[in-house]
C-alpha atoms as a PDB file:
ATOM      1  CA  MET A   1      28.725  50.612  51.633  1.00  0.00           C
ATOM      2  CA  GLU A   2      26.366  48.089  50.182  1.00  0.00           C
ATOM      3  CA  LYS A   3      23.533  49.028  48.016  1.00  0.00           C
ATOM      4  CA  SER A   4      21.016  47.170  45.551  1.00  0.00           C
ATOM      5  CA  VAL A   5      20.727  46.662  41.804  1.00  0.00           C
ATOM      6  CA  THR A   6      17.506  45.575  40.109  1.00  0.00           C
ATOM      7  CA  VAL A   7      18.020  42.268  38.361  1.00  0.00           C
ATOM      8  CA  LEU A   8      15.348  41.763  35.640  1.00  0.00           C
ATOM      9  CA  ALA A   9      14.416  38.138  34.507  1.00  0.00           C
ATOM     10  CA  PHE A  10      12.988  37.555  31.102  1.00  0.00           C
ATOM     11  CA  ALA A  11      11.183  34.528  29.463  1.00  0.00           C
ATOM     12  CA  SER A  12      12.207  31.219  31.238  1.00  0.00           C
ATOM     13  CA  LEU A  13      14.307  32.943  33.998  1.00  0.00           C
ATOM     14  CA  ARG A  14      11.016  34.637  35.496  1.00  0.00           C
ATOM     15  CA  GLU A  15       9.920  30.952  36.340  1.00  0.00           C
ATOM     16  CA  ALA A  16      13.536  29.978  37.471  1.00  0.00           C
ATOM     17  CA  ILE A  17      13.546  32.862  39.806  1.00  0.00           C
ATOM     18  CA  GLY A  18       9.868  33.190  40.628  1.00  0.00           C
ATOM     19  CA  SER A  19       9.538  36.816  39.715  1.00  0.00           C
ATOM     20  CA  ASP A  20      10.378  39.296  36.972  1.00  0.00           C
ATOM     21  CA  ARG A  21      12.725  41.243  39.034  1.00  0.00           C
ATOM     22  CA  VAL A  22      14.704  40.922  42.391  1.00  0.00           C
ATOM     23  CA  ALA A  23      16.971  43.222  44.438  1.00  0.00           C
ATOM     24  CA  MET A  24      20.450  42.235  44.978  1.00  0.00           C
ATOM     25  CA  THR A  25      23.015  44.048  47.148  1.00  0.00           C
ATOM     26  CA  VAL A  26      26.380  44.998  45.430  1.00  0.00           C
ATOM     27  CA  ASN A  27      29.623  46.534  46.742  1.00  0.00           C
ATOM     28  CA  GLY A  28      31.422  49.070  44.653  1.00  0.00           C
ATOM     29  CA  GLY A  29      33.532  47.432  41.863  1.00  0.00           C
ATOM     30  CA  SER A  30      31.312  44.438  41.569  1.00  0.00           C
ATOM     31  CA  SER A  31      31.139  42.899  37.960  1.00  0.00           C
ATOM     32  CA  ALA A  32      28.317  41.586  35.860  1.00  0.00           C
ATOM     33  CA  GLY A  33      29.643  37.990  36.227  1.00  0.00           C
ATOM     34  CA  GLU A  34      30.055  38.284  39.863  1.00  0.00           C
ATOM     35  CA  LEU A  35      26.402  39.430  40.111  1.00  0.00           C
ATOM     36  CA  LEU A  36      25.329  36.653  37.866  1.00  0.00           C
ATOM     37  CA  SER A  37      27.129  34.116  40.258  1.00  0.00           C
ATOM     38  CA  ARG A  38      25.179  35.314  43.125  1.00  0.00           C
ATOM     39  CA  VAL A  39      21.916  35.080  41.324  1.00  0.00           C
ATOM     40  CA  CYS A  40      22.839  31.555  40.536  1.00  0.00           C
ATOM     41  CA  ALA A  41      23.860  30.730  44.234  1.00  0.00           C
ATOM     42  CA  GLN A  42      20.399  32.265  45.178  1.00  0.00           C
ATOM     43  CA  TYR A  43      18.452  30.735  42.644  1.00  0.00           C
ATOM     44  CA  PRO A  44      19.929  27.445  41.412  1.00  0.00           C
ATOM     45  CA  ALA A  45      17.671  27.124  38.470  1.00  0.00           C
ATOM     46  CA  VAL A  46      19.286  29.808  36.757  1.00  0.00           C
ATOM     47  CA  ALA A  47      22.517  28.038  36.511  1.00  0.00           C
ATOM     48  CA  ALA A  48      21.242  25.930  33.653  1.00  0.00           C
ATOM     49  CA  TYR A  49      20.891  29.072  31.729  1.00  0.00           C
ATOM     50  CA  ARG A  50      24.118  30.632  32.696  1.00  0.00           C
ATOM     51  CA  LYS A  51      26.351  29.765  29.776  1.00  0.00           C
ATOM     52  CA  SER A  52      23.696  31.102  27.126  1.00  0.00           C
ATOM     53  CA  LEU A  53      22.525  34.180  28.948  1.00  0.00           C
ATOM     54  CA  ARG A  54      23.143  37.772  27.591  1.00  0.00           C
ATOM     55  CA  ILE A  55      23.520  40.355  30.198  1.00  0.00           C
ATOM     56  CA  ALA A  56      22.546  44.131  29.871  1.00  0.00           C
ATOM     57  CA  VAL A  57      23.291  46.925  32.226  1.00  0.00           C
ATOM     58  CA  ASN A  58      21.134  49.975  32.137  1.00  0.00           C
ATOM     59  CA  GLY A  59      19.882  48.838  28.687  1.00  0.00           C
ATOM     60  CA  GLU A  60      23.162  48.075  27.103  1.00  0.00           C
ATOM     61  CA  TYR A  61      24.684  44.495  26.428  1.00  0.00           C
ATOM     62  CA  VAL A  62      27.716  43.785  28.323  1.00  0.00           C
ATOM     63  CA  ASP A  63      30.162  41.028  28.978  1.00  0.00           C
ATOM     64  CA  ALA A  64      30.713  39.522  32.537  1.00  0.00           C
ATOM     65  CA  SER A  65      33.792  41.802  33.200  1.00  0.00           C
ATOM     66  CA  ALA A  66      31.489  45.008  32.794  1.00  0.00           C
ATOM     67  CA  SER A  67      31.061  46.973  36.222  1.00  0.00           C
ATOM     68  CA  VAL A  68      27.918  46.924  38.182  1.00  0.00           C
ATOM     69  CA  ALA A  69      27.102  49.770  40.590  1.00  0.00           C
ATOM     70  CA  PRO A  70      24.333  50.420  43.097  1.00  0.00           C
ATOM     71  CA  GLY A  71      21.224  51.731  41.431  1.00  0.00           C
ATOM     72  CA  ASP A  72      21.879  49.980  38.086  1.00  0.00           C
ATOM     73  CA  GLU A  73      19.252  47.830  36.366  1.00  0.00           C
ATOM     74  CA  VAL A  74      20.821  44.557  35.250  1.00  0.00           C
ATOM     75  CA  ALA A  75      18.573  42.456  32.691  1.00  0.00           C
ATOM     76  CA  LEU A  76      19.381  38.506  32.204  1.00  0.00           C
ATOM     77  CA  LEU A  77      18.350  37.495  28.937  1.00  0.00           C
ATOM     78  CA  PRO A  78      18.134  33.789  28.000  1.00  0.00           C
ATOM     79  CA  PRO A  79      18.187  32.863  24.231  1.00  0.00           C
ATOM     80  CA  VAL A  80      15.209  33.515  22.119  1.00  0.00           C
ATOM     81  CA  ALA A  81      14.035  30.609  19.946  1.00  0.00           C
ATOM     82  CA  GLY A  82      12.269  31.624  16.877  1.00  0.00           C
ATOM     83  CA  GLY A  83      10.331  29.944  14.009  1.00  0.00           C
END
């Protein structure tokens, strides 16, 4: 059974996606890395950021192998430049 997760895009990723959030369907047992691959396929401009992105699921930073379940909120965070 497929259900959706909310993918939140911050900073420059908003422009790459064209929105600050999108809904993506996931199957049970999907990983954060698999979801990121699907986001990059659907929004090719995101691929330029892929290696430097941080991923958070439900407010907790995770690595690409972390599970993503229907109803989760997945944030994609590009590096932040400071001065």
